[in-house]
Amino acid sequence: MNYIGYSITFFLSWWFFLFIVLPIGVTTHSELDEDVEDGIEVGSPVHANIKKKMLMATGLTVCFMILVAIIDYFDLISIK
């Protein structure tokens, strides 16, 4: 696989892992049993922690890409 293939695989898998990580640890306004102000959706997260989740997705993607590189380098799976 060339650099373009690795770049595309990294980009797509990063988004895949981000959507896996997004619902982890989410606390909604309805779970806090507090009064919700008008205009705030009850199911919206209190603290989204997007930066932390983006870092988690990046870490998972890097681990996945290392696995892909090992498989590609040693020809463990023939894609051709």
C-alpha atoms as a PDB file:
ATOM      1  CA  MET A   1       0.000   0.000   0.000  1.00  0.00           C
ATOM      2  CA  ASN A   2       1.337   3.455  -0.824  1.00  0.00           C
ATOM      3  CA  TYR A   3       1.105   6.697   1.170  1.00  0.00           C
ATOM      4  CA  ILE A   4      -2.182   7.678  -0.442  1.00  0.00           C
ATOM      5  CA  GLY A   5      -3.722   4.348   0.545  1.00  0.00           C
ATOM      6  CA  TYR A   6      -2.506   4.736   4.122  1.00  0.00           C
ATOM      7  CA  SER A   7      -3.810   8.321   4.238  1.00  0.00           C
ATOM      8  CA  ILE A   8      -7.256   7.328   3.002  1.00  0.00           C
ATOM      9  CA  THR A   9      -7.380   4.380   5.412  1.00  0.00           C
ATOM     10  CA  PHE A  10      -6.339   6.633   8.305  1.00  0.00           C
ATOM     11  CA  PHE A  11      -8.944   9.278   7.419  1.00  0.00           C
ATOM     12  CA  LEU A  12     -11.824   6.822   7.092  1.00  0.00           C
ATOM     13  CA  SER A  13     -10.908   4.776  10.153  1.00  0.00           C
ATOM     14  CA  TRP A  14     -10.488   7.949  12.254  1.00  0.00           C
ATOM     15  CA  TRP A  15     -14.080   8.942  11.519  1.00  0.00           C
ATOM     16  CA  PHE A  16     -15.213   5.360  12.163  1.00  0.00           C
ATOM     17  CA  PHE A  17     -13.525   5.270  15.581  1.00  0.00           C
ATOM     18  CA  LEU A  18     -14.794   8.779  16.424  1.00  0.00           C
ATOM     19  CA  PHE A  19     -18.389   7.651  15.949  1.00  0.00           C
ATOM     20  CA  ILE A  20     -17.676   4.604  18.116  1.00  0.00           C
ATOM     21  CA  VAL A  21     -16.171   6.746  20.905  1.00  0.00           C
ATOM     22  CA  LEU A  22     -18.734   9.582  20.858  1.00  0.00           C
ATOM     23  CA  PRO A  23     -21.452   7.968  23.023  1.00  0.00           C
ATOM     24  CA  ILE A  24     -19.000   6.745  25.691  1.00  0.00           C
ATOM     25  CA  GLY A  25     -19.397   8.570  29.001  1.00  0.00           C
ATOM     26  CA  VAL A  26     -22.175  10.914  27.891  1.00  0.00           C
ATOM     27  CA  THR A  27     -24.395  12.339  30.628  1.00  0.00           C
ATOM     28  CA  THR A  28     -27.588  13.968  29.389  1.00  0.00           C
ATOM     29  CA  HIS A  29     -29.669  16.655  31.066  1.00  0.00           C
ATOM     30  CA  SER A  30     -32.465  14.143  31.711  1.00  0.00           C
ATOM     31  CA  GLU A  31     -30.095  11.880  33.677  1.00  0.00           C
ATOM     32  CA  LEU A  32     -29.188  14.665  36.119  1.00  0.00           C
ATOM     33  CA  ASP A  33     -32.806  15.122  37.313  1.00  0.00           C
ATOM     34  CA  GLU A  34     -32.414  18.893  37.312  1.00  0.00           C
ATOM     35  CA  ASP A  35     -34.716  21.534  35.908  1.00  0.00           C
ATOM     36  CA  VAL A  36     -33.904  22.097  32.260  1.00  0.00           C
ATOM     37  CA  GLU A  37     -34.089  25.642  30.939  1.00  0.00           C
ATOM     38  CA  ASP A  38     -36.327  26.436  27.993  1.00  0.00           C
ATOM     39  CA  GLY A  39     -34.609  25.905  24.661  1.00  0.00           C
ATOM     40  CA  ILE A  40     -32.285  23.138  25.860  1.00  0.00           C
ATOM     41  CA  GLU A  41     -32.949  19.639  24.548  1.00  0.00           C
ATOM     42  CA  VAL A  42     -33.382  17.134  27.370  1.00  0.00           C
ATOM     43  CA  GLY A  43     -31.259  14.525  25.574  1.00  0.00           C
ATOM     44  CA  SER A  44     -28.329  16.844  24.854  1.00  0.00           C
ATOM     45  CA  PRO A  45     -25.051  16.092  26.649  1.00  0.00           C
ATOM     46  CA  VAL A  46     -24.059  18.171  29.665  1.00  0.00           C
ATOM     47  CA  HIS A  47     -20.330  17.991  28.875  1.00  0.00           C
ATOM     48  CA  ALA A  48     -19.449  16.682  25.427  1.00  0.00           C
ATOM     49  CA  ASN A  49     -15.656  16.331  26.023  1.00  0.00           C
ATOM     50  CA  ILE A  50     -15.033  16.425  22.278  1.00  0.00           C
ATOM     51  CA  LYS A  51     -11.283  17.023  22.607  1.00  0.00           C
ATOM     52  CA  LYS A  52     -10.852  13.939  24.799  1.00  0.00           C
ATOM     53  CA  LYS A  53     -12.925  11.840  22.418  1.00  0.00           C
ATOM     54  CA  MET A  54     -10.974  13.068  19.398  1.00  0.00           C
ATOM     55  CA  LEU A  55      -7.745  12.054  21.141  1.00  0.00           C
ATOM     56  CA  MET A  56      -9.219   8.642  21.936  1.00  0.00           C
ATOM     57  CA  ALA A  57     -10.249   8.197  18.296  1.00  0.00           C
ATOM     58  CA  THR A  58      -6.756   9.215  17.185  1.00  0.00           C
ATOM     59  CA  GLY A  59      -5.142   6.710  19.549  1.00  0.00           C
ATOM     60  CA  LEU A  60      -7.390   3.903  18.351  1.00  0.00           C
ATOM     61  CA  THR A  61      -6.712   4.838  14.739  1.00  0.00           C
ATOM     62  CA  VAL A  62      -2.945   4.850  15.266  1.00  0.00           C
ATOM     63  CA  CYS A  63      -3.138   1.371  16.840  1.00  0.00           C
ATOM     64  CA  PHE A  64      -5.284   0.190  13.936  1.00  0.00           C
ATOM     65  CA  MET A  65      -2.882   1.672  11.375  1.00  0.00           C
ATOM     66  CA  ILE A  66       0.076  -0.065  13.052  1.00  0.00           C
ATOM     67  CA  LEU A  67      -1.825  -3.338  12.700  1.00  0.00           C
ATOM     68  CA  VAL A  68      -2.594  -2.551   9.029  1.00  0.00           C
ATOM     69  CA  ALA A  69       1.072  -1.701   8.374  1.00  0.00           C
ATOM     70  CA  ILE A  70       2.244  -4.970   9.957  1.00  0.00           C
ATOM     71  CA  ILE A  71      -0.253  -6.955   7.896  1.00  0.00           C
ATOM     72  CA  ASP A  72       0.822  -5.109   4.752  1.00  0.00           C
ATOM     73  CA  TYR A  73       4.571  -5.381   5.422  1.00  0.00           C
ATOM     74  CA  PHE A  74       4.592  -9.114   6.138  1.00  0.00           C
ATOM     75  CA  ASP A  75       1.917  -9.947   3.506  1.00  0.00           C
ATOM     76  CA  LEU A  76      -0.208 -11.742   6.094  1.00  0.00           C
ATOM     77  CA  ILE A  77      -3.359 -11.113   4.053  1.00  0.00           C
ATOM     78  CA  SER A  78      -3.210 -11.025   0.284  1.00  0.00           C
ATOM     79  CA  ILE A  79      -5.515  -8.313  -1.056  1.00  0.00           C
ATOM     80  CA  LYS A  80      -4.364  -8.518  -4.664  1.00  0.00           C
END
